[in-house]
Amino acid sequence: MASVYVAGHQGLLGSAVVRRLRRDGHADLVLHPHTELDLRDQRAVREMFARDRPRVVVDCAARVGGIGLRRDHPTEFLLDNLEIQNNLIRAAVDARVAAFVFISSASVYPADCPQPMREEHLFTGPFEATQEAYALAKAAGMKLCEYVRTEYDLSFVSCLPTNLYGEQDELDPGGAHVIPALLRRMHDARLADDPAVTVWGSGATCRDFLHVDDAADAVVWLLGQERPPAVLNIGTGREVSVRDLAETVQRVVGYPGRLVFDASMPEGPRRRLLDVSRAHAAGWRHTIELEDGLRRLYDRFLAA
């Protein structure tokens, strides 16, 4: 594989892609921390492409945040993400790169999308209101990649991962991501001998959780395909209720107390499941099961 530029290489998925590429013996990586290269700066991005000449690009870079931040700062979320992806895609097109993988988001699916969500459901309805600014940016990036693929006959792919977790997650008890938040809260409760841990929502909400190393495997697998699909969902294809997730976290942590589900707290749509049959048919499947992945995450936290 030619030189690979991983944008956003310090994030959860970007760092996993770098680990996977290095594990495969690929040393010719172009990596620039955000403190060194502001991807919102078109001139700086063009100068980097001219200097480093990457032939493959994995775009994991994005401005991200929890529901509160997305709700309160939609202008910044839309502008920053549009600038980041437009600069990268424009420079990659001008350089005629051999491959470009754009990491999108399941938030681009309609709010009332049929379940499970198939690639053909994209752009068939309005986005969920709390996700709109971020989803608009990601949808624009996907459309731009689609146009580039058609107009220039370049291998531009949009990859839509489900909910990711992994060893780079910060175990924040009040964080926006359910897995690291639950792990940390139950860990703290075990140490404090707290008799109960409260879980937001009824516990009936269902989601799909994919270990970030499996997502990185999917990205590298896409780079190796001669003609990859233009758009691809990535996930396990299996629903897990928040109740089952919490009970699995409880086993992993060894927390002996009770779980109390607070149905008065927000929990989002009842189901959000990606259909991954297209990925399976093309030859990719996940390999890390949820409980094994949770144990890896918790072991990393304990060893830190």
C-alpha atoms as a PDB file:
ATOM      1  CA  MET A   1       0.000   0.000   0.000  1.00  0.00           C
ATOM      2  CA  ALA A   2       1.222   3.499  -0.830  1.00  0.00           C
ATOM      3  CA  SER A   3       1.702   6.221   1.786  1.00  0.00           C
ATOM      4  CA  VAL A   4      -1.412   6.649   3.927  1.00  0.00           C
ATOM      5  CA  TYR A   5      -2.585   9.866   5.534  1.00  0.00           C
ATOM      6  CA  VAL A   6      -4.851   9.223   8.526  1.00  0.00           C
ATOM      7  CA  ALA A   7      -6.665  12.451   9.366  1.00  0.00           C
ATOM      8  CA  GLY A   8      -7.802  12.550  12.980  1.00  0.00           C
ATOM      9  CA  HIS A   9      -5.260   9.907  13.991  1.00  0.00           C
ATOM     10  CA  GLN A  10      -5.436  10.860  17.682  1.00  0.00           C
ATOM     11  CA  GLY A  11      -9.139  10.044  17.988  1.00  0.00           C
ATOM     12  CA  LEU A  12     -10.800   6.764  18.900  1.00  0.00           C
ATOM     13  CA  LEU A  13     -11.106   5.359  15.366  1.00  0.00           C
ATOM     14  CA  GLY A  14      -8.116   7.135  13.818  1.00  0.00           C
ATOM     15  CA  SER A  15      -5.737   5.771  16.435  1.00  0.00           C
ATOM     16  CA  ALA A  16      -7.125   2.266  15.893  1.00  0.00           C
ATOM     17  CA  VAL A  17      -6.581   2.577  12.126  1.00  0.00           C
ATOM     18  CA  VAL A  18      -2.968   3.607  12.755  1.00  0.00           C
ATOM     19  CA  ARG A  19      -2.443   0.647  15.119  1.00  0.00           C
ATOM     20  CA  ARG A  20      -3.876  -1.730  12.534  1.00  0.00           C
ATOM     21  CA  LEU A  21      -1.747  -0.362   9.696  1.00  0.00           C
ATOM     22  CA  ARG A  22       1.392  -0.580  11.829  1.00  0.00           C
ATOM     23  CA  ARG A  23       0.506  -4.100  12.936  1.00  0.00           C
ATOM     24  CA  ASP A  24       0.363  -5.035   9.252  1.00  0.00           C
ATOM     25  CA  GLY A  25       3.879  -3.643   8.832  1.00  0.00           C
ATOM     26  CA  HIS A  26       2.864  -0.467   7.049  1.00  0.00           C
ATOM     27  CA  ALA A  27       5.356   2.196   8.104  1.00  0.00           C
ATOM     28  CA  ASP A  28       4.753   4.873   5.457  1.00  0.00           C
ATOM     29  CA  LEU A  29       2.134   6.847   7.397  1.00  0.00           C
ATOM     30  CA  VAL A  30       1.429  10.564   7.236  1.00  0.00           C
ATOM     31  CA  LEU A  31       0.298  11.768  10.656  1.00  0.00           C
ATOM     32  CA  HIS A  32      -0.228  15.345  11.805  1.00  0.00           C
ATOM     33  CA  PRO A  33      -1.769  16.249  15.195  1.00  0.00           C
ATOM     34  CA  HIS A  34      -4.423  18.955  15.143  1.00  0.00           C
ATOM     35  CA  THR A  35      -2.036  21.277  17.007  1.00  0.00           C
ATOM     36  CA  GLU A  36       0.289  21.069  14.006  1.00  0.00           C
ATOM     37  CA  LEU A  37      -2.215  21.071  11.141  1.00  0.00           C
ATOM     38  CA  ASP A  38      -5.574  22.849  11.292  1.00  0.00           C
ATOM     39  CA  LEU A  39      -7.723  20.986   8.792  1.00  0.00           C
ATOM     40  CA  ARG A  40     -10.073  23.965   8.592  1.00  0.00           C
ATOM     41  CA  ASP A  41      -7.229  25.884   6.914  1.00  0.00           C
ATOM     42  CA  GLN A  42      -7.469  25.132   3.182  1.00  0.00           C
ATOM     43  CA  ARG A  43      -4.013  26.493   2.397  1.00  0.00           C
ATOM     44  CA  ALA A  44      -2.359  24.426   5.144  1.00  0.00           C
ATOM     45  CA  VAL A  45      -4.075  21.263   3.912  1.00  0.00           C
ATOM     46  CA  ARG A  46      -2.988  21.885   0.327  1.00  0.00           C
ATOM     47  CA  GLU A  47       0.599  22.518   1.438  1.00  0.00           C
ATOM     48  CA  MET A  48       0.611  19.260   3.422  1.00  0.00           C
ATOM     49  CA  PHE A  49      -0.585  17.267   0.387  1.00  0.00           C
ATOM     50  CA  ALA A  50       2.059  18.908  -1.807  1.00  0.00           C
ATOM     51  CA  ARG A  51       4.791  18.199   0.753  1.00  0.00           C
ATOM     52  CA  ASP A  52       3.867  14.693   1.992  1.00  0.00           C
ATOM     53  CA  ARG A  53       2.182  13.363  -1.167  1.00  0.00           C
ATOM     54  CA  PRO A  54      -0.130  10.798   0.436  1.00  0.00           C
ATOM     55  CA  ARG A  55      -1.622   8.309  -2.010  1.00  0.00           C
ATOM     56  CA  VAL A  56      -4.305   6.993   0.323  1.00  0.00           C
ATOM     57  CA  VAL A  57      -6.446   9.028   2.743  1.00  0.00           C
ATOM     58  CA  VAL A  58      -8.542   7.864   5.679  1.00  0.00           C
ATOM     59  CA  ASP A  59     -10.634  10.773   6.934  1.00  0.00           C
ATOM     60  CA  CYS A  60     -11.476  10.146  10.594  1.00  0.00           C
ATOM     61  CA  ALA A  61     -11.278  13.847  11.436  1.00  0.00           C
ATOM     62  CA  ALA A  62     -14.356  15.616  12.729  1.00  0.00           C
ATOM     63  CA  ARG A  63     -15.604  17.972  15.371  1.00  0.00           C
ATOM     64  CA  VAL A  64     -17.552  15.723  17.728  1.00  0.00           C
ATOM     65  CA  GLY A  65     -19.366  16.069  21.038  1.00  0.00           C
ATOM     66  CA  GLY A  66     -22.342  15.005  23.072  1.00  0.00           C
ATOM     67  CA  ILE A  67     -25.983  15.881  22.475  1.00  0.00           C
ATOM     68  CA  GLY A  68     -25.759  19.028  24.585  1.00  0.00           C
ATOM     69  CA  LEU A  69     -22.850  20.478  22.643  1.00  0.00           C
ATOM     70  CA  ARG A  70     -24.419  19.618  19.280  1.00  0.00           C
ATOM     71  CA  ARG A  71     -27.707  21.188  20.364  1.00  0.00           C
ATOM     72  CA  ASP A  72     -26.173  24.378  21.759  1.00  0.00           C
ATOM     73  CA  HIS A  73     -23.516  25.010  19.078  1.00  0.00           C
ATOM     74  CA  PRO A  74     -24.946  23.850  15.724  1.00  0.00           C
ATOM     75  CA  THR A  75     -23.256  26.630  13.736  1.00  0.00           C
ATOM     76  CA  GLU A  76     -19.760  25.628  14.825  1.00  0.00           C
ATOM     77  CA  PHE A  77     -20.495  21.921  14.326  1.00  0.00           C
ATOM     78  CA  LEU A  78     -21.739  22.465  10.794  1.00  0.00           C
ATOM     79  CA  LEU A  79     -19.058  24.949   9.723  1.00  0.00           C
ATOM     80  CA  ASP A  80     -16.090  23.115  11.253  1.00  0.00           C
ATOM     81  CA  ASN A  81     -17.044  19.737   9.845  1.00  0.00           C
ATOM     82  CA  LEU A  82     -17.810  21.121   6.402  1.00  0.00           C
ATOM     83  CA  GLU A  83     -14.464  22.925   6.302  1.00  0.00           C
ATOM     84  CA  ILE A  84     -12.492  19.874   7.475  1.00  0.00           C
ATOM     85  CA  GLN A  85     -13.976  17.416   5.006  1.00  0.00           C
ATOM     86  CA  ASN A  86     -14.192  19.829   2.057  1.00  0.00           C
ATOM     87  CA  ASN A  87     -10.512  20.748   2.376  1.00  0.00           C
ATOM     88  CA  LEU A  88      -9.441  17.110   2.585  1.00  0.00           C
ATOM     89  CA  ILE A  89     -11.651  15.931  -0.273  1.00  0.00           C
ATOM     90  CA  ARG A  90     -10.659  18.834  -2.568  1.00  0.00           C
ATOM     91  CA  ALA A  91      -6.945  18.261  -1.952  1.00  0.00           C
ATOM     92  CA  ALA A  92      -7.334  14.505  -2.420  1.00  0.00           C
ATOM     93  CA  VAL A  93      -9.164  14.975  -5.712  1.00  0.00           C
ATOM     94  CA  ASP A  94      -6.507  17.383  -6.997  1.00  0.00           C
ATOM     95  CA  ALA A  95      -3.828  14.861  -5.993  1.00  0.00           C
ATOM     96  CA  ARG A  96      -5.794  12.030  -7.657  1.00  0.00           C
ATOM     97  CA  VAL A  97      -5.242   9.777  -4.649  1.00  0.00           C
ATOM     98  CA  ALA A  98      -5.587   6.028  -5.130  1.00  0.00           C
ATOM     99  CA  ALA A  99      -8.190   5.660  -2.370  1.00  0.00           C
ATOM    100  CA  PHE A 100     -10.162   7.813   0.052  1.00  0.00           C
ATOM    101  CA  VAL A 101     -12.281   6.504   2.934  1.00  0.00           C
ATOM    102  CA  PHE A 102     -14.646   9.045   4.468  1.00  0.00           C
ATOM    103  CA  ILE A 103     -15.850   8.132   7.942  1.00  0.00           C
ATOM    104  CA  SER A 104     -19.471   9.202   8.163  1.00  0.00           C
ATOM    105  CA  SER A 105     -22.027   8.533  10.899  1.00  0.00           C
ATOM    106  CA  ALA A 106     -25.258   6.643  11.472  1.00  0.00           C
ATOM    107  CA  SER A 107     -26.749  10.050  12.342  1.00  0.00           C
ATOM    108  CA  VAL A 108     -27.229  10.656   8.600  1.00  0.00           C
ATOM    109  CA  TYR A 109     -30.083   8.144   8.551  1.00  0.00           C
ATOM    110  CA  PRO A 110     -33.597   9.601   8.837  1.00  0.00           C
ATOM    111  CA  ALA A 111     -35.054  10.020  12.309  1.00  0.00           C
ATOM    112  CA  ASP A 112     -37.935   7.667  11.466  1.00  0.00           C
ATOM    113  CA  CYS A 113     -35.848   5.236   9.406  1.00  0.00           C
ATOM    114  CA  PRO A 114     -37.092   1.639   9.092  1.00  0.00           C
ATOM    115  CA  GLN A 115     -35.096  -0.836  11.189  1.00  0.00           C
ATOM    116  CA  PRO A 116     -32.557  -2.174  10.543  1.00  0.00           C
ATOM    117  CA  MET A 117     -31.231   0.779   8.546  1.00  0.00           C
ATOM    118  CA  ARG A 118     -30.030  -0.158   5.066  1.00  0.00           C
ATOM    119  CA  GLU A 119     -27.821   1.929   2.817  1.00  0.00           C
ATOM    120  CA  GLU A 120     -30.733   2.575   0.447  1.00  0.00           C
ATOM    121  CA  HIS A 121     -32.600   4.330   3.295  1.00  0.00           C
ATOM    122  CA  LEU A 122     -30.092   7.196   3.242  1.00  0.00           C
ATOM    123  CA  PHE A 123     -31.431  10.641   2.289  1.00  0.00           C
ATOM    124  CA  THR A 124     -35.075   9.537   2.407  1.00  0.00           C
ATOM    125  CA  GLY A 125     -36.200  11.716   5.320  1.00  0.00           C
ATOM    126  CA  PRO A 126     -35.270  14.431   7.847  1.00  0.00           C
ATOM    127  CA  PHE A 127     -32.516  13.917  10.397  1.00  0.00           C
ATOM    128  CA  GLU A 128     -33.086  13.574  14.105  1.00  0.00           C
ATOM    129  CA  ALA A 129     -33.354  17.137  15.450  1.00  0.00           C
ATOM    130  CA  THR A 130     -30.545  16.867  18.035  1.00  0.00           C
ATOM    131  CA  GLN A 131     -28.169  15.498  15.382  1.00  0.00           C
ATOM    132  CA  GLU A 132     -29.088  17.792  12.507  1.00  0.00           C
ATOM    133  CA  ALA A 133     -26.006  20.044  12.190  1.00  0.00           C
ATOM    134  CA  TYR A 134     -23.536  17.166  12.471  1.00  0.00           C
ATOM    135  CA  ALA A 135     -25.648  14.956  10.207  1.00  0.00           C
ATOM    136  CA  LEU A 136     -25.930  17.660   7.554  1.00  0.00           C
ATOM    137  CA  ALA A 137     -22.154  17.978   7.389  1.00  0.00           C
ATOM    138  CA  LYS A 138     -21.611  14.229   7.176  1.00  0.00           C
ATOM    139  CA  ALA A 139     -24.328  13.871   4.545  1.00  0.00           C
ATOM    140  CA  ALA A 140     -22.674  16.594   2.458  1.00  0.00           C
ATOM    141  CA  GLY A 141     -19.353  14.750   2.722  1.00  0.00           C
ATOM    142  CA  MET A 142     -20.953  11.526   1.570  1.00  0.00           C
ATOM    143  CA  LYS A 143     -22.589  13.212  -1.398  1.00  0.00           C
ATOM    144  CA  LEU A 144     -19.318  14.894  -2.328  1.00  0.00           C
ATOM    145  CA  CYS A 145     -17.532  11.524  -2.258  1.00  0.00           C
ATOM    146  CA  GLU A 146     -20.301  10.067  -4.421  1.00  0.00           C
ATOM    147  CA  TYR A 147     -19.921  12.866  -6.976  1.00  0.00           C
ATOM    148  CA  VAL A 148     -16.123  12.513  -7.030  1.00  0.00           C
ATOM    149  CA  ARG A 149     -16.421   8.761  -7.552  1.00  0.00           C
ATOM    150  CA  THR A 150     -18.737   9.280 -10.526  1.00  0.00           C
ATOM    151  CA  GLU A 151     -17.130  12.340 -12.117  1.00  0.00           C
ATOM    152  CA  TYR A 152     -13.453  11.454 -11.657  1.00  0.00           C
ATOM    153  CA  ASP A 153     -13.645   7.642 -11.424  1.00  0.00           C
ATOM    154  CA  LEU A 154     -11.707   7.688  -8.155  1.00  0.00           C
ATOM    155  CA  SER A 155     -12.087   5.185  -5.321  1.00  0.00           C
ATOM    156  CA  PHE A 156     -13.895   7.342  -2.776  1.00  0.00           C
ATOM    157  CA  VAL A 157     -15.868   5.394  -0.158  1.00  0.00           C
ATOM    158  CA  SER A 158     -18.171   6.456   2.679  1.00  0.00           C
ATOM    159  CA  CYS A 159     -18.061   4.177   5.710  1.00  0.00           C
ATOM    160  CA  LEU A 160     -20.815   4.386   8.342  1.00  0.00           C
ATOM    161  CA  PRO A 161     -19.810   2.749  11.640  1.00  0.00           C
ATOM    162  CA  THR A 162     -22.280   1.995  14.394  1.00  0.00           C
ATOM    163  CA  ASN A 163     -21.603   2.985  18.042  1.00  0.00           C
ATOM    164  CA  LEU A 164     -17.885   2.523  18.685  1.00  0.00           C
ATOM    165  CA  TYR A 165     -16.027   1.761  21.892  1.00  0.00           C
ATOM    166  CA  GLY A 166     -12.499   0.663  22.714  1.00  0.00           C
ATOM    167  CA  GLU A 167      -9.343   1.053  24.730  1.00  0.00           C
ATOM    168  CA  GLN A 168      -8.864   4.722  23.830  1.00  0.00           C
ATOM    169  CA  ASP A 169     -12.194   5.646  25.422  1.00  0.00           C
ATOM    170  CA  GLU A 170     -11.977   7.924  28.432  1.00  0.00           C
ATOM    171  CA  LEU A 171     -13.903   6.326  31.288  1.00  0.00           C
ATOM    172  CA  ASP A 172     -15.889   9.402  32.294  1.00  0.00           C
ATOM    173  CA  PRO A 173     -18.858   8.648  34.593  1.00  0.00           C
ATOM    174  CA  GLY A 174     -20.754  11.642  33.217  1.00  0.00           C
ATOM    175  CA  GLY A 175     -19.638  11.251  29.607  1.00  0.00           C
ATOM    176  CA  ALA A 176     -21.801  11.149  26.507  1.00  0.00           C
ATOM    177  CA  HIS A 177     -20.826   7.575  25.569  1.00  0.00           C
ATOM    178  CA  VAL A 178     -22.756   4.918  27.406  1.00  0.00           C
ATOM    179  CA  ILE A 179     -20.124   2.170  27.628  1.00  0.00           C
ATOM    180  CA  PRO A 180     -17.234   4.116  29.234  1.00  0.00           C
ATOM    181  CA  ALA A 181     -19.712   5.964  31.468  1.00  0.00           C
ATOM    182  CA  LEU A 182     -21.264   2.731  32.764  1.00  0.00           C
ATOM    183  CA  LEU A 183     -17.877   1.057  33.279  1.00  0.00           C
ATOM    184  CA  ARG A 184     -16.570   3.960  35.322  1.00  0.00           C
ATOM    185  CA  ARG A 185     -19.710   4.414  37.395  1.00  0.00           C
ATOM    186  CA  MET A 186     -19.859   0.725  38.308  1.00  0.00           C
ATOM    187  CA  HIS A 187     -16.145   0.662  39.039  1.00  0.00           C
ATOM    188  CA  ASP A 188     -16.502   3.626  41.398  1.00  0.00           C
ATOM    189  CA  ALA A 189     -19.610   2.108  42.982  1.00  0.00           C
ATOM    190  CA  ARG A 190     -17.792  -1.187  43.615  1.00  0.00           C
ATOM    191  CA  LEU A 191     -14.905   0.605  45.331  1.00  0.00           C
ATOM    192  CA  ALA A 192     -17.294   2.723  47.410  1.00  0.00           C
ATOM    193  CA  ASP A 193     -19.576  -0.228  48.302  1.00  0.00           C
ATOM    194  CA  ASP A 194     -22.549   1.689  46.890  1.00  0.00           C
ATOM    195  CA  PRO A 195     -25.668  -0.496  46.996  1.00  0.00           C
ATOM    196  CA  ALA A 196     -27.051   0.645  43.627  1.00  0.00           C
ATOM    197  CA  VAL A 197     -26.119   2.295  40.351  1.00  0.00           C
ATOM    198  CA  THR A 198     -28.676   4.302  38.385  1.00  0.00           C
ATOM    199  CA  VAL A 199     -28.862   3.736  34.621  1.00  0.00           C
ATOM    200  CA  TRP A 200     -30.547   6.382  32.487  1.00  0.00           C
ATOM    201  CA  GLY A 201     -33.697   5.246  30.696  1.00  0.00           C
ATOM    202  CA  SER A 202     -35.952   2.237  30.886  1.00  0.00           C
ATOM    203  CA  GLY A 203     -33.272  -0.190  29.739  1.00  0.00           C
ATOM    204  CA  ALA A 204     -35.357  -1.206  26.738  1.00  0.00           C
ATOM    205  CA  THR A 205     -33.526   1.002  24.224  1.00  0.00           C
ATOM    206  CA  CYS A 206     -31.476  -1.113  21.799  1.00  0.00           C
ATOM    207  CA  ARG A 207     -28.198  -0.289  20.096  1.00  0.00           C
ATOM    208  CA  ASP A 208     -25.355  -2.027  18.267  1.00  0.00           C
ATOM    209  CA  PHE A 209     -21.863  -1.650  19.756  1.00  0.00           C
ATOM    210  CA  LEU A 210     -18.729  -2.303  17.683  1.00  0.00           C
ATOM    211  CA  HIS A 211     -15.201  -2.523  19.048  1.00  0.00           C
ATOM    212  CA  VAL A 212     -13.049   0.128  17.434  1.00  0.00           C
ATOM    213  CA  ASP A 213     -10.439  -2.447  16.387  1.00  0.00           C
ATOM    214  CA  ASP A 214     -13.115  -4.169  14.298  1.00  0.00           C
ATOM    215  CA  ALA A 215     -14.014  -0.803  12.754  1.00  0.00           C
ATOM    216  CA  ALA A 216     -10.338  -0.212  11.933  1.00  0.00           C
ATOM    217  CA  ASP A 217     -10.183  -3.670  10.393  1.00  0.00           C
ATOM    218  CA  ALA A 218     -13.136  -2.723   8.180  1.00  0.00           C
ATOM    219  CA  VAL A 219     -11.418   0.485   7.065  1.00  0.00           C
ATOM    220  CA  VAL A 220      -8.181  -1.307   6.140  1.00  0.00           C
ATOM    221  CA  TRP A 221     -10.204  -4.040   4.444  1.00  0.00           C
ATOM    222  CA  LEU A 222     -11.953  -1.381   2.333  1.00  0.00           C
ATOM    223  CA  LEU A 223      -8.593   0.059   1.313  1.00  0.00           C
ATOM    224  CA  GLY A 224      -7.603  -3.362   0.007  1.00  0.00           C
ATOM    225  CA  GLN A 225     -10.653  -3.789  -2.216  1.00  0.00           C
ATOM    226  CA  GLU A 226     -10.166  -3.223  -5.946  1.00  0.00           C
ATOM    227  CA  ARG A 227     -13.599  -1.613  -6.291  1.00  0.00           C
ATOM    228  CA  PRO A 228     -15.161  -1.149  -2.865  1.00  0.00           C
ATOM    229  CA  PRO A 229     -18.826  -0.198  -2.500  1.00  0.00           C
ATOM    230  CA  ALA A 230     -19.549   3.523  -2.516  1.00  0.00           C
ATOM    231  CA  VAL A 231     -21.340   3.398   0.848  1.00  0.00           C
ATOM    232  CA  LEU A 232     -21.053   0.740   3.523  1.00  0.00           C
ATOM    233  CA  ASN A 233     -22.567   0.221   6.964  1.00  0.00           C
ATOM    234  CA  ILE A 234     -20.181  -1.261   9.532  1.00  0.00           C
ATOM    235  CA  GLY A 235     -21.377  -2.955  12.717  1.00  0.00           C
ATOM    236  CA  THR A 236     -22.114  -6.294  14.327  1.00  0.00           C
ATOM    237  CA  GLY A 237     -25.691  -6.382  13.062  1.00  0.00           C
ATOM    238  CA  ARG A 238     -26.868  -7.385  16.540  1.00  0.00           C
ATOM    239  CA  GLU A 239     -29.045  -5.365  18.872  1.00  0.00           C
ATOM    240  CA  VAL A 240     -28.230  -5.139  22.557  1.00  0.00           C
ATOM    241  CA  SER A 241     -30.664  -3.570  25.004  1.00  0.00           C
ATOM    242  CA  VAL A 242     -29.284  -1.044  27.469  1.00  0.00           C
ATOM    243  CA  ARG A 243     -30.425  -3.399  30.249  1.00  0.00           C
ATOM    244  CA  ASP A 244     -28.400  -6.289  28.792  1.00  0.00           C
ATOM    245  CA  LEU A 245     -25.445  -3.962  28.232  1.00  0.00           C
ATOM    246  CA  ALA A 246     -25.571  -2.737  31.837  1.00  0.00           C
ATOM    247  CA  GLU A 247     -25.754  -6.301  33.158  1.00  0.00           C
ATOM    248  CA  THR A 248     -22.769  -7.283  31.001  1.00  0.00           C
ATOM    249  CA  VAL A 249     -20.781  -4.306  32.299  1.00  0.00           C
ATOM    250  CA  GLN A 250     -21.783  -5.346  35.822  1.00  0.00           C
ATOM    251  CA  ARG A 251     -20.294  -8.820  35.258  1.00  0.00           C
ATOM    252  CA  VAL A 252     -17.102  -7.420  33.764  1.00  0.00           C
ATOM    253  CA  VAL A 253     -16.555  -4.968  36.630  1.00  0.00           C
ATOM    254  CA  GLY A 254     -17.673  -7.416  39.304  1.00  0.00           C
ATOM    255  CA  TYR A 255     -20.104  -4.928  40.810  1.00  0.00           C
ATOM    256  CA  PRO A 256     -22.412  -6.772  43.276  1.00  0.00           C
ATOM    257  CA  GLY A 257     -25.048  -4.068  43.755  1.00  0.00           C
ATOM    258  CA  ARG A 258     -28.407  -3.367  42.140  1.00  0.00           C
ATOM    259  CA  LEU A 259     -29.082  -1.649  38.827  1.00  0.00           C
ATOM    260  CA  VAL A 260     -31.837   0.961  38.976  1.00  0.00           C
ATOM    261  CA  PHE A 261     -33.284   2.081  35.631  1.00  0.00           C
ATOM    262  CA  ASP A 262     -34.605   5.639  35.658  1.00  0.00           C
ATOM    263  CA  ALA A 263     -37.255   5.793  32.921  1.00  0.00           C
ATOM    264  CA  SER A 264     -37.702   9.549  33.479  1.00  0.00           C
ATOM    265  CA  MET A 265     -34.295  10.254  31.937  1.00  0.00           C
ATOM    266  CA  PRO A 266     -33.787  10.678  28.147  1.00  0.00           C
ATOM    267  CA  GLU A 267     -32.739   7.597  26.224  1.00  0.00           C
ATOM    268  CA  GLY A 268     -33.138   8.460  22.542  1.00  0.00           C
ATOM    269  CA  PRO A 269     -34.912   6.429  19.846  1.00  0.00           C
ATOM    270  CA  ARG A 270     -35.973   2.934  20.903  1.00  0.00           C
ATOM    271  CA  ARG A 271     -34.038   1.243  18.070  1.00  0.00           C
ATOM    272  CA  ARG A 272     -31.082   2.354  15.903  1.00  0.00           C
ATOM    273  CA  LEU A 273     -29.613  -0.698  14.173  1.00  0.00           C
ATOM    274  CA  LEU A 274     -27.493  -0.710  11.026  1.00  0.00           C
ATOM    275  CA  ASP A 275     -28.108  -3.443   8.476  1.00  0.00           C
ATOM    276  CA  VAL A 276     -24.648  -4.876   7.712  1.00  0.00           C
ATOM    277  CA  SER A 277     -25.711  -7.504   5.177  1.00  0.00           C
ATOM    278  CA  ARG A 278     -23.916  -5.617   2.386  1.00  0.00           C
ATOM    279  CA  ALA A 279     -20.629  -5.745   4.332  1.00  0.00           C
ATOM    280  CA  HIS A 280     -21.141  -9.448   5.090  1.00  0.00           C
ATOM    281  CA  ALA A 281     -21.862 -10.202   1.436  1.00  0.00           C
ATOM    282  CA  ALA A 282     -18.694  -8.340   0.422  1.00  0.00           C
ATOM    283  CA  GLY A 283     -16.586 -10.393   2.842  1.00  0.00           C
ATOM    284  CA  TRP A 284     -16.201  -8.389   6.067  1.00  0.00           C
ATOM    285  CA  ARG A 285     -17.458  -9.385   9.543  1.00  0.00           C
ATOM    286  CA  HIS A 286     -16.660  -8.265  13.072  1.00  0.00           C
ATOM    287  CA  THR A 287     -14.582 -10.588  15.270  1.00  0.00           C
ATOM    288  CA  ILE A 288     -14.675  -9.067  18.784  1.00  0.00           C
ATOM    289  CA  GLU A 289     -17.769  -9.923  20.797  1.00  0.00           C
ATOM    290  CA  LEU A 290     -19.163  -7.358  23.205  1.00  0.00           C
ATOM    291  CA  GLU A 291     -18.204  -8.934  26.533  1.00  0.00           C
ATOM    292  CA  ASP A 292     -14.658  -9.637  25.328  1.00  0.00           C
ATOM    293  CA  GLY A 293     -14.337  -6.056  24.130  1.00  0.00           C
ATOM    294  CA  LEU A 294     -15.631  -4.704  27.431  1.00  0.00           C
ATOM    295  CA  ARG A 295     -13.090  -6.796  29.335  1.00  0.00           C
ATOM    296  CA  ARG A 296     -10.293  -5.429  27.172  1.00  0.00           C
ATOM    297  CA  LEU A 297     -11.447  -1.864  27.851  1.00  0.00           C
ATOM    298  CA  TYR A 298     -11.760  -2.420  31.596  1.00  0.00           C
ATOM    299  CA  ASP A 299      -8.404  -4.217  31.828  1.00  0.00           C
ATOM    300  CA  ARG A 300      -6.756  -1.258  30.097  1.00  0.00           C
ATOM    301  CA  PHE A 301      -8.388   1.117  32.569  1.00  0.00           C
ATOM    302  CA  LEU A 302      -7.193  -0.936  35.551  1.00  0.00           C
ATOM    303  CA  ALA A 303      -3.656  -1.092  34.192  1.00  0.00           C
ATOM    304  CA  ALA A 304      -3.423   2.661  33.569  1.00  0.00           C
END
